Amino acid sequence: MGRARTTIVWNGPKERGEALLSAISPDDPGDFEAKISGEGENVELRIVVNSDGLRQSRATVDDILACLVAAESGLDVIG
């Protein structure tokens, strides 16, 4: 079986990016790497998933996206 690498990129306000990063950080940190880059008002949140195949990559990406959607929904409610 081959390896798979998937990258998720989000761009937006720094405060929101930090909140999104916090939402996914506790979730299986060994399955992906995530970092915020950029200066000023807008930043980039880049999440890289390395896995042992497409099936595992898809499951991890689905989990991350579900966490991001839930966090973003919460931020929209309080923001």
N, C-alpha and C. Protein backbone atom coordinates (compact mmCIF):
# COMPACT_ATOMS: atom_id res chain seq x y z
N MET A 1 0.85 -1.18 0.00
CA MET A 1 0.00 0.00 0.00
C MET A 1 0.89 1.24 0.00
N GLY A 2 0.47 2.25 -0.71
CA GLY A 2 1.24 3.48 -0.81
C GLY A 2 0.92 4.46 0.30
N ARG A 3 1.67 5.52 0.33
CA ARG A 3 1.46 6.59 1.29
C ARG A 3 0.62 7.68 0.62
N ALA A 4 -0.09 8.44 1.42
CA ALA A 4 -0.90 9.55 0.91
C ALA A 4 -0.57 10.81 1.71
N ARG A 5 -0.58 11.93 1.02
CA ARG A 5 -0.34 13.22 1.67
C ARG A 5 -1.43 14.17 1.18
N THR A 6 -2.12 14.79 2.12
CA THR A 6 -3.21 15.70 1.81
C THR A 6 -2.98 17.01 2.55
N THR A 7 -3.24 18.12 1.90
CA THR A 7 -3.06 19.42 2.52
C THR A 7 -4.38 20.18 2.50
N ILE A 8 -4.75 20.71 3.64
CA ILE A 8 -5.93 21.56 3.78
C ILE A 8 -5.41 22.97 4.08
N VAL A 9 -5.88 23.96 3.34
CA VAL A 9 -5.43 25.34 3.54
C VAL A 9 -6.65 26.21 3.79
N TRP A 10 -6.58 26.97 4.86
CA TRP A 10 -7.63 27.93 5.21
C TRP A 10 -6.97 29.29 5.30
N ASN A 11 -7.62 30.34 4.79
CA ASN A 11 -7.12 31.71 4.88
C ASN A 11 -8.19 32.58 5.52
N GLY A 12 -7.74 33.45 6.42
CA GLY A 12 -8.69 34.35 7.05
C GLY A 12 -8.07 35.09 8.21
N PRO A 13 -8.92 35.70 9.04
CA PRO A 13 -8.45 36.50 10.17
C PRO A 13 -7.62 35.66 11.16
N LYS A 14 -6.58 36.27 11.68
CA LYS A 14 -5.65 35.59 12.58
C LYS A 14 -6.36 35.00 13.80
N GLU A 15 -7.22 35.77 14.43
CA GLU A 15 -7.92 35.31 15.63
C GLU A 15 -8.75 34.06 15.35
N ARG A 16 -9.43 34.04 14.22
CA ARG A 16 -10.25 32.88 13.84
C ARG A 16 -9.35 31.69 13.51
N GLY A 17 -8.26 31.92 12.82
CA GLY A 17 -7.33 30.85 12.49
C GLY A 17 -6.76 30.19 13.74
N GLU A 18 -6.44 31.01 14.75
CA GLU A 18 -5.92 30.47 16.01
C GLU A 18 -6.99 29.64 16.72
N ALA A 19 -8.23 30.09 16.67
CA ALA A 19 -9.32 29.33 17.28
C ALA A 19 -9.55 28.00 16.57
N LEU A 20 -9.46 28.01 15.25
CA LEU A 20 -9.63 26.77 14.48
C LEU A 20 -8.49 25.80 14.77
N LEU A 21 -7.28 26.33 14.85
CA LEU A 21 -6.14 25.48 15.18
C LEU A 21 -6.32 24.85 16.56
N SER A 22 -6.79 25.63 17.50
CA SER A 22 -7.04 25.10 18.85
C SER A 22 -8.09 24.00 18.85
N ALA A 23 -9.05 24.12 17.96
CA ALA A 23 -10.14 23.13 17.90
C ALA A 23 -9.66 21.78 17.40
N ILE A 24 -8.64 21.76 16.56
CA ILE A 24 -8.18 20.48 16.02
C ILE A 24 -6.94 19.94 16.70
N SER A 25 -6.23 20.78 17.43
CA SER A 25 -4.96 20.34 18.04
C SER A 25 -5.07 19.13 18.94
N PRO A 26 -6.11 19.00 19.79
CA PRO A 26 -6.19 17.83 20.66
C PRO A 26 -6.58 16.55 19.91
N ASP A 27 -7.02 16.66 18.67
CA ASP A 27 -7.56 15.53 17.93
C ASP A 27 -6.47 14.76 17.19
N ASP A 28 -5.94 13.71 17.79
CA ASP A 28 -4.94 12.84 17.16
C ASP A 28 -3.79 13.62 16.55
N PRO A 29 -3.00 14.32 17.35
CA PRO A 29 -1.94 15.17 16.80
C PRO A 29 -0.87 14.40 16.03
N GLY A 30 -0.77 13.10 16.21
CA GLY A 30 0.21 12.32 15.46
C GLY A 30 -0.21 12.06 14.03
N ASP A 31 -1.48 12.31 13.70
CA ASP A 31 -2.00 12.03 12.36
C ASP A 31 -1.81 13.19 11.38
N PHE A 32 -1.46 14.37 11.88
CA PHE A 32 -1.32 15.53 11.00
C PHE A 32 -0.43 16.58 11.64
N GLU A 33 0.01 17.51 10.81
CA GLU A 33 0.77 18.67 11.26
C GLU A 33 -0.04 19.90 10.88
N ALA A 34 -0.10 20.87 11.78
CA ALA A 34 -0.86 22.09 11.48
C ALA A 34 -0.08 23.28 11.98
N LYS A 35 -0.10 24.36 11.19
CA LYS A 35 0.57 25.58 11.62
C LYS A 35 -0.09 26.79 10.97
N ILE A 36 0.08 27.91 11.63
CA ILE A 36 -0.41 29.19 11.13
C ILE A 36 0.79 29.98 10.65
N SER A 37 0.65 30.58 9.50
CA SER A 37 1.72 31.44 9.00
C SER A 37 1.11 32.72 8.45
N GLY A 38 1.95 33.73 8.40
CA GLY A 38 1.51 35.03 7.90
C GLY A 38 1.55 36.07 8.99
N GLU A 39 1.56 37.29 8.57
CA GLU A 39 1.61 38.43 9.47
C GLU A 39 0.39 39.29 9.27
N GLY A 40 0.05 40.05 10.27
CA GLY A 40 -1.04 41.00 10.13
C GLY A 40 -2.40 40.39 10.32
N GLU A 41 -3.38 41.01 9.71
CA GLU A 41 -4.79 40.65 9.89
C GLU A 41 -5.13 39.26 9.35
N ASN A 42 -4.67 38.91 8.16
CA ASN A 42 -5.01 37.63 7.56
C ASN A 42 -3.83 36.67 7.61
N VAL A 43 -4.14 35.41 7.91
CA VAL A 43 -3.13 34.37 8.02
C VAL A 43 -3.58 33.15 7.22
N GLU A 44 -2.67 32.19 7.16
CA GLU A 44 -2.97 30.92 6.52
C GLU A 44 -2.83 29.81 7.55
N LEU A 45 -3.85 28.99 7.68
CA LEU A 45 -3.79 27.78 8.50
C LEU A 45 -3.59 26.63 7.52
N ARG A 46 -2.47 25.94 7.65
CA ARG A 46 -2.14 24.83 6.76
C ARG A 46 -2.07 23.55 7.57
N ILE A 47 -2.86 22.57 7.14
CA ILE A 47 -2.92 21.27 7.81
C ILE A 47 -2.46 20.21 6.81
N VAL A 48 -1.44 19.45 7.19
CA VAL A 48 -0.89 18.42 6.31
C VAL A 48 -1.13 17.06 6.96
N VAL A 49 -1.80 16.20 6.23
CA VAL A 49 -2.11 14.84 6.69
C VAL A 49 -1.22 13.87 5.92
N ASN A 50 -0.42 13.09 6.64
CA ASN A 50 0.37 12.02 6.06
C ASN A 50 -0.19 10.71 6.57
N SER A 51 -0.50 9.79 5.67
CA SER A 51 -1.12 8.54 6.11
C SER A 51 -0.65 7.37 5.26
N ASP A 52 -1.08 6.19 5.67
CA ASP A 52 -0.69 4.95 5.01
C ASP A 52 -1.65 4.56 3.90
N GLY A 53 -2.24 5.49 3.23
CA GLY A 53 -3.14 5.19 2.12
C GLY A 53 -4.30 6.16 2.06
N LEU A 54 -5.02 6.07 0.96
CA LEU A 54 -6.13 7.00 0.73
C LEU A 54 -7.28 6.83 1.71
N ARG A 55 -7.56 5.59 2.09
CA ARG A 55 -8.67 5.35 3.02
C ARG A 55 -8.41 6.03 4.37
N GLN A 56 -7.20 5.84 4.90
CA GLN A 56 -6.85 6.46 6.17
C GLN A 56 -6.79 7.98 6.04
N SER A 57 -6.27 8.45 4.91
CA SER A 57 -6.20 9.89 4.68
C SER A 57 -7.60 10.49 4.66
N ARG A 58 -8.51 9.84 3.98
CA ARG A 58 -9.89 10.35 3.90
C ARG A 58 -10.53 10.39 5.29
N ALA A 59 -10.35 9.36 6.08
CA ALA A 59 -10.94 9.33 7.42
C ALA A 59 -10.38 10.46 8.28
N THR A 60 -9.07 10.69 8.21
CA THR A 60 -8.46 11.75 9.00
C THR A 60 -8.94 13.12 8.52
N VAL A 61 -8.97 13.34 7.21
CA VAL A 61 -9.43 14.62 6.66
C VAL A 61 -10.90 14.85 7.03
N ASP A 62 -11.73 13.82 6.94
CA ASP A 62 -13.13 13.96 7.33
C ASP A 62 -13.25 14.39 8.79
N ASP A 63 -12.46 13.79 9.68
CA ASP A 63 -12.49 14.15 11.10
C ASP A 63 -12.06 15.61 11.31
N ILE A 64 -10.98 15.99 10.63
CA ILE A 64 -10.49 17.37 10.77
C ILE A 64 -11.53 18.36 10.26
N LEU A 65 -12.10 18.09 9.09
CA LEU A 65 -13.10 19.01 8.54
C LEU A 65 -14.33 19.11 9.43
N ALA A 66 -14.74 18.00 10.02
CA ALA A 66 -15.89 18.03 10.94
C ALA A 66 -15.57 18.92 12.15
N CYS A 67 -14.36 18.81 12.69
CA CYS A 67 -13.97 19.66 13.81
C CYS A 67 -13.92 21.13 13.41
N LEU A 68 -13.37 21.39 12.23
CA LEU A 68 -13.29 22.78 11.75
C LEU A 68 -14.67 23.39 11.53
N VAL A 69 -15.58 22.61 10.95
CA VAL A 69 -16.94 23.10 10.71
C VAL A 69 -17.64 23.41 12.03
N ALA A 70 -17.50 22.51 13.00
CA ALA A 70 -18.14 22.73 14.31
C ALA A 70 -17.55 23.97 14.98
N ALA A 71 -16.24 24.11 14.92
CA ALA A 71 -15.59 25.28 15.54
C ALA A 71 -16.01 26.57 14.84
N GLU A 72 -16.04 26.54 13.52
CA GLU A 72 -16.43 27.73 12.78
C GLU A 72 -17.88 28.12 13.05
N SER A 73 -18.75 27.13 13.17
CA SER A 73 -20.16 27.39 13.50
C SER A 73 -20.26 28.05 14.87
N GLY A 74 -19.49 27.54 15.82
CA GLY A 74 -19.48 28.13 17.16
C GLY A 74 -18.97 29.57 17.13
N LEU A 75 -17.93 29.80 16.35
CA LEU A 75 -17.40 31.16 16.24
C LEU A 75 -18.41 32.10 15.60
N ASP A 76 -19.17 31.61 14.64
CA ASP A 76 -20.20 32.45 13.99
C ASP A 76 -21.30 32.82 14.98
N VAL A 77 -21.64 31.91 15.87
CA VAL A 77 -22.69 32.17 16.84
C VAL A 77 -22.26 33.22 17.86
N ILE A 78 -21.00 33.12 18.33
CA ILE A 78 -20.55 34.07 19.35
C ILE A 78 -19.98 35.35 18.76
N GLY A 79 -19.66 35.31 17.45
CA GLY A 79 -19.01 36.47 16.83
C GLY A 79 -19.98 37.37 16.22
